[in-house]
C-alpha atoms as a PDB file:
ATOM      1  CA  MET A   1     141.298  76.877  91.137  1.00  0.00           C
ATOM      2  CA  SER A   2     138.465  79.049  90.339  1.00  0.00           C
ATOM      3  CA  ALA A   3     134.765  78.341  89.330  1.00  0.00           C
ATOM      4  CA  HIS A   4     136.178  79.185  85.424  1.00  0.00           C
ATOM      5  CA  GLY A   5     138.849  76.330  85.540  1.00  0.00           C
ATOM      6  CA  ASP A   6     142.387  78.117  84.081  1.00  0.00           C
ATOM      7  CA  ARG A   7     140.625  81.036  84.197  1.00  0.00           C
ATOM      8  CA  ALA A   8     140.811  83.611  86.994  1.00  0.00           C
ATOM      9  CA  ALA A   9     137.184  84.166  88.362  1.00  0.00           C
ATOM     10  CA  ILE A  10     136.190  88.042  88.434  1.00  0.00           C
ATOM     11  CA  ALA A  11     133.953  88.962  91.274  1.00  0.00           C
ATOM     12  CA  PRO A  12     131.639  91.631  91.249  1.00  0.00           C
ATOM     13  CA  PRO A  13     133.428  95.050  93.089  1.00  0.00           C
ATOM     14  CA  ALA A  14     132.343  95.393  96.674  1.00  0.00           C
ATOM     15  CA  GLY A  15     130.813  98.424  98.005  1.00  0.00           C
ATOM     16  CA  GLU A  16     127.840 100.552  97.693  1.00  0.00           C
ATOM     17  CA  LEU A  17     129.101 104.028  96.050  1.00  0.00           C
ATOM     18  CA  ALA A  18     127.650 104.529  92.657  1.00  0.00           C
ATOM     19  CA  ARG A  19     130.166 103.314  90.123  1.00  0.00           C
ATOM     20  CA  PRO A  20     131.430 104.843  87.011  1.00  0.00           C
ATOM     21  CA  ARG A  21     129.794 104.301  83.846  1.00  0.00           C
ATOM     22  CA  TRP A  22     133.709 103.623  82.594  1.00  0.00           C
ATOM     23  CA  SER A  23     136.636 102.060  83.997  1.00  0.00           C
ATOM     24  CA  VAL A  24     139.669 102.832  81.594  1.00  0.00           C
ATOM     25  CA  MET A  25     143.158 100.495  82.941  1.00  0.00           C
ATOM     26  CA  ILE A  26     146.288 101.599  81.118  1.00  0.00           C
ATOM     27  CA  PRO A  27     149.511  99.352  81.828  1.00  0.00           C
ATOM     28  CA  THR A  28     152.596 101.065  81.497  1.00  0.00           C
ATOM     29  CA  CYS A  29     154.201  98.099  80.018  1.00  0.00           C
ATOM     30  CA  LEU A  30     157.226  98.734  77.667  1.00  0.00           C
ATOM     31  CA  ALA A  31     157.197 102.320  78.517  1.00  0.00           C
ATOM     32  CA  VAL A  32     154.876 103.443  75.763  1.00  0.00           C
ATOM     33  CA  VAL A  33     151.902 104.995  77.435  1.00  0.00           C
ATOM     34  CA  SER A  34     150.356 107.566  75.599  1.00  0.00           C
ATOM     35  CA  LEU A  35     147.520 109.046  77.568  1.00  0.00           C
ATOM     36  CA  VAL A  36     145.248 110.803  75.204  1.00  0.00           C
ATOM     37  CA  VAL A  37     142.524 111.440  77.992  1.00  0.00           C
ATOM     38  CA  PRO A  38     143.653 112.948  80.711  1.00  0.00           C
ATOM     39  CA  PRO A  39     142.252 110.705  84.020  1.00  0.00           C
ATOM     40  CA  ALA A  40     139.040 111.271  85.447  1.00  0.00           C
ATOM     41  CA  SER A  41     137.804 109.962  88.878  1.00  0.00           C
ATOM     42  CA  HIS A  42     134.824 110.443  89.920  1.00  0.00           C
ATOM     43  CA  GLU A  43     133.056 111.221  93.468  1.00  0.00           C
ATOM     44  CA  PRO A  44     130.580 109.715  94.907  1.00  0.00           C
ATOM     45  CA  GLY A  45     127.087 109.629  93.158  1.00  0.00           C
ATOM     46  CA  GLU A  46     128.582 110.679  89.905  1.00  0.00           C
ATOM     47  CA  ARG A  47     128.095 108.365  86.885  1.00  0.00           C
ATOM     48  CA  GLY A  48     131.135 109.581  84.713  1.00  0.00           C
ATOM     49  CA  ARG A  49     134.649 107.858  84.043  1.00  0.00           C
ATOM     50  CA  HIS A  50     137.502 106.307  85.914  1.00  0.00           C
ATOM     51  CA  ALA A  51     140.810 105.949  84.437  1.00  0.00           C
ATOM     52  CA  ARG A  52     143.907 104.650  86.184  1.00  0.00           C
ATOM     53  CA  VAL A  53     147.308 104.451  84.799  1.00  0.00           C
ATOM     54  CA  VAL A  54     148.718 100.522  86.238  1.00  0.00           C
ATOM     55  CA  ASP A  55     152.442 100.438  87.158  1.00  0.00           C
ATOM     56  CA  GLY A  56     152.877  96.721  85.635  1.00  0.00           C
ATOM     57  CA  PRO A  57     153.438  94.280  82.733  1.00  0.00           C
ATOM     58  CA  CYS A  58     151.211  93.815  80.095  1.00  0.00           C
ATOM     59  CA  ILE A  59     150.405  90.038  81.574  1.00  0.00           C
ATOM     60  CA  GLU A  60     148.602  91.065  84.681  1.00  0.00           C
ATOM     61  CA  ALA A  61     145.897  92.029  82.571  1.00  0.00           C
ATOM     62  CA  VAL A  62     143.360  90.065  84.857  1.00  0.00           C
ATOM     63  CA  HIS A  63     144.828  92.256  87.522  1.00  0.00           C
ATOM     64  CA  HIS A  64     143.904  95.191  85.536  1.00  0.00           C
ATOM     65  CA  ILE A  65     140.455  94.003  85.386  1.00  0.00           C
ATOM     66  CA  HIS A  66     139.685  93.206  88.912  1.00  0.00           C
ATOM     67  CA  LEU A  67     141.041  96.986  89.560  1.00  0.00           C
ATOM     68  CA  ALA A  68     138.077  98.322  86.846  1.00  0.00           C
ATOM     69  CA  ASP A  69     135.126  99.154  89.148  1.00  0.00           C
ATOM     70  CA  GLY A  70     132.798 100.642  86.408  1.00  0.00           C
ATOM     71  CA  SER A  71     129.332  98.392  86.236  1.00  0.00           C
ATOM     72  CA  ASP A  72     127.924  99.654  83.329  1.00  0.00           C
ATOM     73  CA  ALA A  73     130.954 100.103  82.119  1.00  0.00           C
ATOM     74  CA  ARG A  74     131.203  99.698  78.583  1.00  0.00           C
ATOM     75  CA  CYS A  75     134.782  99.715  78.868  1.00  0.00           C
ATOM     76  CA  VAL A  76     137.324  97.908  80.315  1.00  0.00           C
ATOM     77  CA  GLN A  77     140.729  98.922  78.742  1.00  0.00           C
ATOM     78  CA  LEU A  78     143.694  96.909  78.917  1.00  0.00           C
ATOM     79  CA  ALA A  79     145.955  98.726  76.694  1.00  0.00           C
ATOM     80  CA  PRO A  80     149.081 100.959  76.397  1.00  0.00           C
ATOM     81  CA  VAL A  81     147.555 103.513  73.551  1.00  0.00           C
ATOM     82  CA  GLY A  82     143.785 104.393  72.954  1.00  0.00           C
ATOM     83  CA  LEU A  83     141.118 106.943  72.559  1.00  0.00           C
ATOM     84  CA  PRO A  84     138.992 105.694  75.405  1.00  0.00           C
ATOM     85  CA  ALA A  85     136.747 108.906  75.813  1.00  0.00           C
ATOM     86  CA  VAL A  86     135.975 108.536  71.910  1.00  0.00           C
ATOM     87  CA  LEU A  87     135.382 105.121  71.980  1.00  0.00           C
ATOM     88  CA  SER A  88     132.227 105.926  74.029  1.00  0.00           C
ATOM     89  CA  ARG A  89     130.098 106.290  70.671  1.00  0.00           C
ATOM     90  CA  THR A  90     131.067 102.849  69.413  1.00  0.00           C
ATOM     91  CA  ALA A  91     127.921 100.935  71.701  1.00  0.00           C
ATOM     92  CA  SER A  92     125.928 104.582  72.104  1.00  0.00           C
ATOM     93  CA  ASP A  93     123.173 102.784  69.746  1.00  0.00           C
ATOM     94  CA  ALA A  94     123.312  99.317  70.814  1.00  0.00           C
ATOM     95  CA  ARG A  95     122.941  99.823  74.888  1.00  0.00           C
ATOM     96  CA  THR A  96     121.969  95.455  75.069  1.00  0.00           C
ATOM     97  CA  LEU A  97     125.408  95.230  73.636  1.00  0.00           C
ATOM     98  CA  ARG A  98     128.078  93.597  75.799  1.00  0.00           C
ATOM     99  CA  ARG A  99     130.875  94.266  73.414  1.00  0.00           C
ATOM    100  CA  ALA A 100     132.250  96.448  70.594  1.00  0.00           C
ATOM    101  CA  PHE A 101     134.872  96.954  68.597  1.00  0.00           C
ATOM    102  CA  CYS A 102     136.543  99.738  66.112  1.00  0.00           C
ATOM    103  CA  ARG A 103     139.430  99.818  63.654  1.00  0.00           C
ATOM    104  CA  TYR A 104     142.729 100.884  65.169  1.00  0.00           C
ATOM    105  CA  ILE A 105     145.488 102.749  63.752  1.00  0.00           C
ATOM    106  CA  SER A 106     149.329 101.482  64.018  1.00  0.00           C
ATOM    107  CA  ILE A 107     151.627 104.286  64.863  1.00  0.00           C
ATOM    108  CA  GLY A 108     155.513 103.820  65.194  1.00  0.00           C
ATOM    109  CA  GLU A 109     157.587 104.799  68.110  1.00  0.00           C
ATOM    110  CA  ARG A 110     157.056 108.485  67.421  1.00  0.00           C
ATOM    111  CA  GLY A 111     153.850 108.627  66.614  1.00  0.00           C
ATOM    112  CA  HIS A 112     153.399 108.802  62.719  1.00  0.00           C
ATOM    113  CA  TRP A 113     150.640 106.514  61.135  1.00  0.00           C
ATOM    114  CA  GLN A 114     151.582 103.491  59.969  1.00  0.00           C
ATOM    115  CA  THR A 115     148.469 101.105  58.749  1.00  0.00           C
ATOM    116  CA  ILE A 116     145.035 101.124  59.434  1.00  0.00           C
ATOM    117  CA  SER A 117     143.231  97.805  60.475  1.00  0.00           C
ATOM    118  CA  ALA A 118     140.516  96.034  58.355  1.00  0.00           C
ATOM    119  CA  LEU A 119     137.162  97.242  57.589  1.00  0.00           C
ATOM    120  CA  GLU A 120     134.994  94.488  58.267  1.00  0.00           C
ATOM    121  CA  GLN A 121     131.548  95.684  57.115  1.00  0.00           C
ATOM    122  CA  SER A 122     130.746  98.765  55.176  1.00  0.00           C
ATOM    123  CA  LYS A 123     128.673 100.121  57.706  1.00  0.00           C
ATOM    124  CA  SER A 124     128.707 100.465  61.679  1.00  0.00           C
ATOM    125  CA  GLY A 125     126.506  98.093  63.576  1.00  0.00           C
ATOM    126  CA  VAL A 126     126.623  94.301  64.700  1.00  0.00           C
ATOM    127  CA  LEU A 127     128.636  91.661  62.866  1.00  0.00           C
ATOM    128  CA  HIS A 128     127.103  88.459  61.311  1.00  0.00           C
ATOM    129  CA  ASP A 129     129.349  85.374  61.493  1.00  0.00           C
ATOM    130  CA  TRP A 130     132.197  87.141  63.302  1.00  0.00           C
ATOM    131  CA  LEU A 131     132.752  83.950  65.628  1.00  0.00           C
ATOM    132  CA  GLU A 132     134.390  82.016  62.565  1.00  0.00           C
ATOM    133  CA  THR A 133     136.609  84.924  60.800  1.00  0.00           C
ATOM    134  CA  ILE A 134     137.857  85.843  64.633  1.00  0.00           C
ATOM    135  CA  ALA A 135     138.532  82.149  65.180  1.00  0.00           C
ATOM    136  CA  ILE A 136     141.151  81.924  62.570  1.00  0.00           C
ATOM    137  CA  GLY A 137     143.522  84.880  63.460  1.00  0.00           C
ATOM    138  CA  GLN A 138     143.860  87.720  65.893  1.00  0.00           C
ATOM    139  CA  ARG A 139     142.331  91.081  64.009  1.00  0.00           C
ATOM    140  CA  LEU A 140     142.164  93.160  67.001  1.00  0.00           C
ATOM    141  CA  GLN A 141     144.558  94.933  69.262  1.00  0.00           C
ATOM    142  CA  PRO A 142     143.617  96.338  72.814  1.00  0.00           C
ATOM    143  CA  PRO A 143     143.008  99.848  72.415  1.00  0.00           C
ATOM    144  CA  CYS A 144     139.938  99.176  70.265  1.00  0.00           C
ATOM    145  CA  MET A 145     138.104  96.935  72.231  1.00  0.00           C
ATOM    146  CA  VAL A 146     135.356  97.589  74.538  1.00  0.00           C
ATOM    147  CA  VAL A 147     133.507  94.599  76.890  1.00  0.00           C
ATOM    148  CA  ARG A 148     131.096  95.081  79.948  1.00  0.00           C
ATOM    149  CA  ARG A 149     132.696  94.486  83.273  1.00  0.00           C
ATOM    150  CA  GLU A 150     129.923  91.597  83.761  1.00  0.00           C
ATOM    151  CA  VAL A 151     130.899  90.114  81.015  1.00  0.00           C
ATOM    152  CA  TYR A 152     134.451  89.154  82.410  1.00  0.00           C
ATOM    153  CA  GLU A 153     132.202  88.005  85.680  1.00  0.00           C
ATOM    154  CA  ARG A 154     130.726  85.858  83.517  1.00  0.00           C
ATOM    155  CA  LEU A 155     133.120  84.402  81.309  1.00  0.00           C
ATOM    156  CA  GLY A 156     136.404  84.586  83.408  1.00  0.00           C
ATOM    157  CA  GLY A 157     139.198  86.551  83.298  1.00  0.00           C
ATOM    158  CA  PHE A 158     142.249  85.740  80.834  1.00  0.00           C
ATOM    159  CA  ASP A 159     143.162  82.133  80.240  1.00  0.00           C
ATOM    160  CA  ARG A 160     146.397  81.085  82.082  1.00  0.00           C
ATOM    161  CA  ARG A 161     147.020  78.005  79.774  1.00  0.00           C
ATOM    162  CA  ILE A 162     148.357  80.859  77.111  1.00  0.00           C
ATOM    163  CA  GLY A 163     151.570  82.715  77.692  1.00  0.00           C
ATOM    164  CA  ARG A 164     152.368  86.273  76.232  1.00  0.00           C
ATOM    165  CA  TYR A 165     151.060  85.860  72.887  1.00  0.00           C
ATOM    166  CA  GLY A 166     147.109  84.665  72.292  1.00  0.00           C
ATOM    167  CA  GLU A 167     145.421  85.334  75.679  1.00  0.00           C
ATOM    168  CA  ASP A 168     143.678  88.429  74.243  1.00  0.00           C
ATOM    169  CA  TRP A 169     142.860  86.469  71.023  1.00  0.00           C
ATOM    170  CA  GLU A 170     141.155  83.959  72.935  1.00  0.00           C
ATOM    171  CA  MET A 171     139.311  86.241  74.972  1.00  0.00           C
ATOM    172  CA  TRP A 172     137.735  87.735  71.801  1.00  0.00           C
ATOM    173  CA  VAL A 173     136.821  84.576  70.641  1.00  0.00           C
ATOM    174  CA  ARG A 174     135.096  83.113  74.082  1.00  0.00           C
ATOM    175  CA  ILE A 175     132.971  86.493  74.342  1.00  0.00           C
ATOM    176  CA  ALA A 176     132.093  86.116  70.303  1.00  0.00           C
ATOM    177  CA  ALA A 177     130.692  82.647  71.115  1.00  0.00           C
ATOM    178  CA  HIS A 178     128.642  83.961  73.573  1.00  0.00           C
ATOM    179  CA  TYR A 179     127.322  87.219  72.529  1.00  0.00           C
ATOM    180  CA  PRO A 180     126.781  89.607  69.373  1.00  0.00           C
ATOM    181  CA  VAL A 181     129.685  91.755  68.506  1.00  0.00           C
ATOM    182  CA  TRP A 182     129.289  95.354  67.474  1.00  0.00           C
ATOM    183  CA  PHE A 183     131.659  96.833  64.725  1.00  0.00           C
ATOM    184  CA  GLU A 184     132.334 101.152  64.344  1.00  0.00           C
ATOM    185  CA  VAL A 185     133.539 101.546  61.066  1.00  0.00           C
ATOM    186  CA  GLU A 186     135.411 104.823  62.434  1.00  0.00           C
ATOM    187  CA  PRO A 187     139.121 104.480  63.305  1.00  0.00           C
ATOM    188  CA  LEU A 188     139.127 105.585  66.538  1.00  0.00           C
ATOM    189  CA  ALA A 189     142.054 104.024  68.698  1.00  0.00           C
ATOM    190  CA  LEU A 190     145.457 104.091  68.442  1.00  0.00           C
ATOM    191  CA  TYR A 191     148.276 101.103  69.178  1.00  0.00           C
ATOM    192  CA  ARG A 192     151.843 101.592  69.008  1.00  0.00           C
ATOM    193  CA  VAL A 193     154.301  98.994  66.877  1.00  0.00           C
ATOM    194  CA  GLY A 194     157.655  99.206  68.567  1.00  0.00           C
ATOM    195  CA  SER A 195     160.850  97.916  66.995  1.00  0.00           C
ATOM    196  CA  ALA A 196     161.687  96.177  70.398  1.00  0.00           C
ATOM    197  CA  SER A 197     159.462  93.273  69.917  1.00  0.00           C
ATOM    198  CA  LEU A 198     161.411  91.959  67.124  1.00  0.00           C
ATOM    199  CA  THR A 199     164.129  91.198  69.998  1.00  0.00           C
ATOM    200  CA  ALA A 200     162.266  90.177  72.378  1.00  0.00           C
ATOM    201  CA  THR A 201     163.262  86.578  73.594  1.00  0.00           C
ATOM    202  CA  THR A 202     160.283  84.876  72.874  1.00  0.00           C
ATOM    203  CA  MET A 203     160.698  85.880  68.910  1.00  0.00           C
ATOM    204  CA  ARG A 204     164.121  84.847  68.764  1.00  0.00           C
ATOM    205  CA  THR A 205     163.173  81.484  70.429  1.00  0.00           C
ATOM    206  CA  GLY A 206     159.957  81.225  69.033  1.00  0.00           C
ATOM    207  CA  GLN A 207     157.533  80.691  71.732  1.00  0.00           C
ATOM    208  CA  ASN A 208     155.494  83.644  70.327  1.00  0.00           C
ATOM    209  CA  VAL A 209     154.447  80.675  68.008  1.00  0.00           C
ATOM    210  CA  GLU A 210     154.139  77.804  70.603  1.00  0.00           C
ATOM    211  CA  ASP A 211     151.867  80.369  72.695  1.00  0.00           C
ATOM    212  CA  ILE A 212     149.879  80.720  69.717  1.00  0.00           C
ATOM    213  CA  LEU A 213     149.590  77.322  69.067  1.00  0.00           C
ATOM    214  CA  ARG A 214     148.236  76.912  72.562  1.00  0.00           C
ATOM    215  CA  ALA A 215     145.736  79.577  72.065  1.00  0.00           C
ATOM    216  CA  ILE A 216     144.458  77.771  69.331  1.00  0.00           C
ATOM    217  CA  ASP A 217     144.137  74.252  70.832  1.00  0.00           C
ATOM    218  CA  VAL A 218     142.134  76.180  73.748  1.00  0.00           C
ATOM    219  CA  ILE A 219     139.901  78.105  70.868  1.00  0.00           C
ATOM    220  CA  HIS A 220     138.902  74.925  69.837  1.00  0.00           C
ATOM    221  CA  ALA A 221     136.449  74.130  72.568  1.00  0.00           C
ATOM    222  CA  HIS A 222     134.946  77.558  71.545  1.00  0.00           C
ATOM    223  CA  LEU A 223     133.898  76.685  68.308  1.00  0.00           C
ATOM    224  CA  PRO A 224     130.672  74.571  66.203  1.00  0.00           C
ATOM    225  CA  PRO A 225     131.639  70.893  66.782  1.00  0.00           C
ATOM    226  CA  GLU A 226     131.175  70.615  62.985  1.00  0.00           C
ATOM    227  CA  ARG A 227     133.389  73.434  62.039  1.00  0.00           C
ATOM    228  CA  ALA A 228     135.966  73.373  64.785  1.00  0.00           C
ATOM    229  CA  ASP A 229     138.520  71.313  63.101  1.00  0.00           C
ATOM    230  CA  ALA A 230     138.298  72.759  59.793  1.00  0.00           C
ATOM    231  CA  LEU A 231     139.355  76.094  61.273  1.00  0.00           C
ATOM    232  CA  ARG A 232     141.799  75.004  63.855  1.00  0.00           C
ATOM    233  CA  VAL A 233     143.702  73.965  60.725  1.00  0.00           C
ATOM    234  CA  GLN A 234     142.610  77.094  59.035  1.00  0.00           C
ATOM    235  CA  ALA A 235     144.186  79.143  62.210  1.00  0.00           C
ATOM    236  CA  ARG A 236     147.445  76.967  61.741  1.00  0.00           C
ATOM    237  CA  GLU A 237     147.992  78.378  58.264  1.00  0.00           C
ATOM    238  CA  VAL A 238     147.374  81.580  59.692  1.00  0.00           C
ATOM    239  CA  ALA A 239     149.792  81.455  62.447  1.00  0.00           C
ATOM    240  CA  ALA A 240     152.398  80.076  60.153  1.00  0.00           C
ATOM    241  CA  THR A 241     152.036  82.621  57.448  1.00  0.00           C
ATOM    242  CA  THR A 242     151.944  85.673  60.539  1.00  0.00           C
ATOM    243  CA  ALA A 243     155.680  83.886  61.891  1.00  0.00           C
ATOM    244  CA  LEU A 244     156.946  84.439  58.183  1.00  0.00           C
ATOM    245  CA  ARG A 245     155.555  88.034  58.149  1.00  0.00           C
ATOM    246  CA  ARG A 246     157.545  88.712  61.507  1.00  0.00           C
ATOM    247  CA  ALA A 247     160.646  86.656  59.809  1.00  0.00           C
ATOM    248  CA  ARG A 248     160.703  88.993  56.410  1.00  0.00           C
ATOM    249  CA  ARG A 249     160.588  92.017  58.513  1.00  0.00           C
ATOM    250  CA  ALA A 250     162.989  90.251  60.959  1.00  0.00           C
ATOM    251  CA  ILE A 251     165.333  89.712  57.925  1.00  0.00           C
ATOM    252  CA  ASP A 252     164.925  93.388  56.625  1.00  0.00           C
ATOM    253  CA  SER A 253     165.764  94.798  60.145  1.00  0.00           C
ATOM    254  CA  GLY A 254     169.496  92.667  60.215  1.00  0.00           C
ATOM    255  CA  HIS A 255     167.557  90.392  62.863  1.00  0.00           C
ATOM    256  CA  GLY A 256     168.640  87.191  61.336  1.00  0.00           C
ATOM    257  CA  PRO A 257     168.643  84.691  64.729  1.00  0.00           C
ATOM    258  CA  VAL A 258     164.849  85.804  64.995  1.00  0.00           C
ATOM    259  CA  ALA A 259     164.126  85.471  61.491  1.00  0.00           C
ATOM    260  CA  LEU A 260     165.229  82.432  61.519  1.00  0.00           C
ATOM    261  CA  ALA A 261     163.126  81.213  64.537  1.00  0.00           C
ATOM    262  CA  GLN A 262     160.008  82.174  62.857  1.00  0.00           C
ATOM    263  CA  ALA A 263     160.516  80.134  59.941  1.00  0.00           C
ATOM    264  CA  ARG A 264     161.473  77.436  61.687  1.00  0.00           C
ATOM    265  CA  ALA A 265     158.372  77.786  63.763  1.00  0.00           C
ATOM    266  CA  ALA A 266     155.818  78.236  60.635  1.00  0.00           C
ATOM    267  CA  ALA A 267     157.803  75.576  59.512  1.00  0.00           C
ATOM    268  CA  ARG A 268     156.309  73.614  62.227  1.00  0.00           C
ATOM    269  CA  VAL A 269     152.928  74.718  62.315  1.00  0.00           C
ATOM    270  CA  SER A 270     151.787  74.357  58.913  1.00  0.00           C
ATOM    271  CA  ARG A 271     152.886  72.593  55.230  1.00  0.00           C
ATOM    272  CA  SER A 272     149.699  74.008  53.418  1.00  0.00           C
ATOM    273  CA  PRO A 273     150.821  75.232  49.774  1.00  0.00           C
ATOM    274  CA  ALA A 274     150.602  78.524  50.862  1.00  0.00           C
ATOM    275  CA  VAL A 275     153.044  78.411  53.559  1.00  0.00           C
ATOM    276  CA  VAL A 276     155.376  75.970  51.667  1.00  0.00           C
ATOM    277  CA  ARG A 277     155.839  78.570  48.898  1.00  0.00           C
ATOM    278  CA  ALA A 278     155.868  81.611  51.741  1.00  0.00           C
ATOM    279  CA  LEU A 279     158.706  79.560  53.548  1.00  0.00           C
ATOM    280  CA  VAL A 280     160.593  79.378  50.305  1.00  0.00           C
ATOM    281  CA  HIS A 281     160.900  82.666  49.493  1.00  0.00           C
ATOM    282  CA  THR A 282     161.659  83.964  53.421  1.00  0.00           C
ATOM    283  CA  SER A 283     164.759  80.838  53.400  1.00  0.00           C
ATOM    284  CA  LEU A 284     166.040  82.362  49.945  1.00  0.00           C
ATOM    285  CA  ARG A 285     165.912  86.334  51.138  1.00  0.00           C
ATOM    286  CA  LEU A 286     167.462  85.017  54.441  1.00  0.00           C
ATOM    287  CA  ALA A 287     169.949  83.285  52.408  1.00  0.00           C
ATOM    288  CA  MET A 288     170.382  85.942  50.457  1.00  0.00           C
ATOM    289  CA  ARG A 289     171.213  88.238  53.191  1.00  0.00           C
ATOM    290  CA  ARG A 290     173.727  85.883  55.117  1.00  0.00           C
ATOM    291  CA  VAL A 291     175.311  85.723  51.398  1.00  0.00           C
ATOM    292  CA  GLY A 292     175.444  89.568  51.305  1.00  0.00           C
ATOM    293  CA  THR A 293     176.618  90.225  55.182  1.00  0.00           C
ATOM    294  CA  ARG A 294     179.407  87.904  54.474  1.00  0.00           C
ATOM    295  CA  ALA A 295     180.606  89.652  51.122  1.00  0.00           C
END
């Protein structure tokens, strides 16, 4: 067990060679890697960019952090798709910051743009009250994140108690509890959304929701005591609403078992009026789809 308990300790890289400013770690999970910028190595004494494609599942993110050796590296990029070189502008005017993120564009399997993430504020700059905002639900994807490596060295790696869903969210909340966060209004990153995610085993069993609930419980400890319980209730409602949204997508795609598992999980997570209404609506859609299939 490390000094960080349930989180892997991230030690400073060994060696005396000059370290690059940026380390970009790009896992090949799900075979959807798209290198927007060619990998660039660095020579001794050169303070540039260091990129590495890592062969392994996304869950090995802690291993990827260990491989990243950028010291004043603003970025440890843990994402299959992104624009790491352009992201350098995100924190260029805020050298004392340790973490920043930009808006991202969701793209389909063929690279077509689908949606753009939320505009958190009208101008680029430090976010106010960001801890409570990020604590109630995951609003980000890894390609849009830039984090100084020293942050991981201080706070530890991803929490081992969380499964395949929510470990990145808990990390962003943990960082927000300790550091100010810069927001870049320009969409400088891409995030690929694949149809395979709907048929994953965790979706068919509802395990993804159980992982999110574990993340919510871990996040509770990072929040101000006077607000922690209320924020947990909100987070559970968001988790249920998200599960029902996935259920509706599964219905439209013809994946009935996934839809049923997500709806059942949502019913266990929250019984708020909004969730109950959405649950009734989703259940009716699922029933109508079953009737149509049998006809």
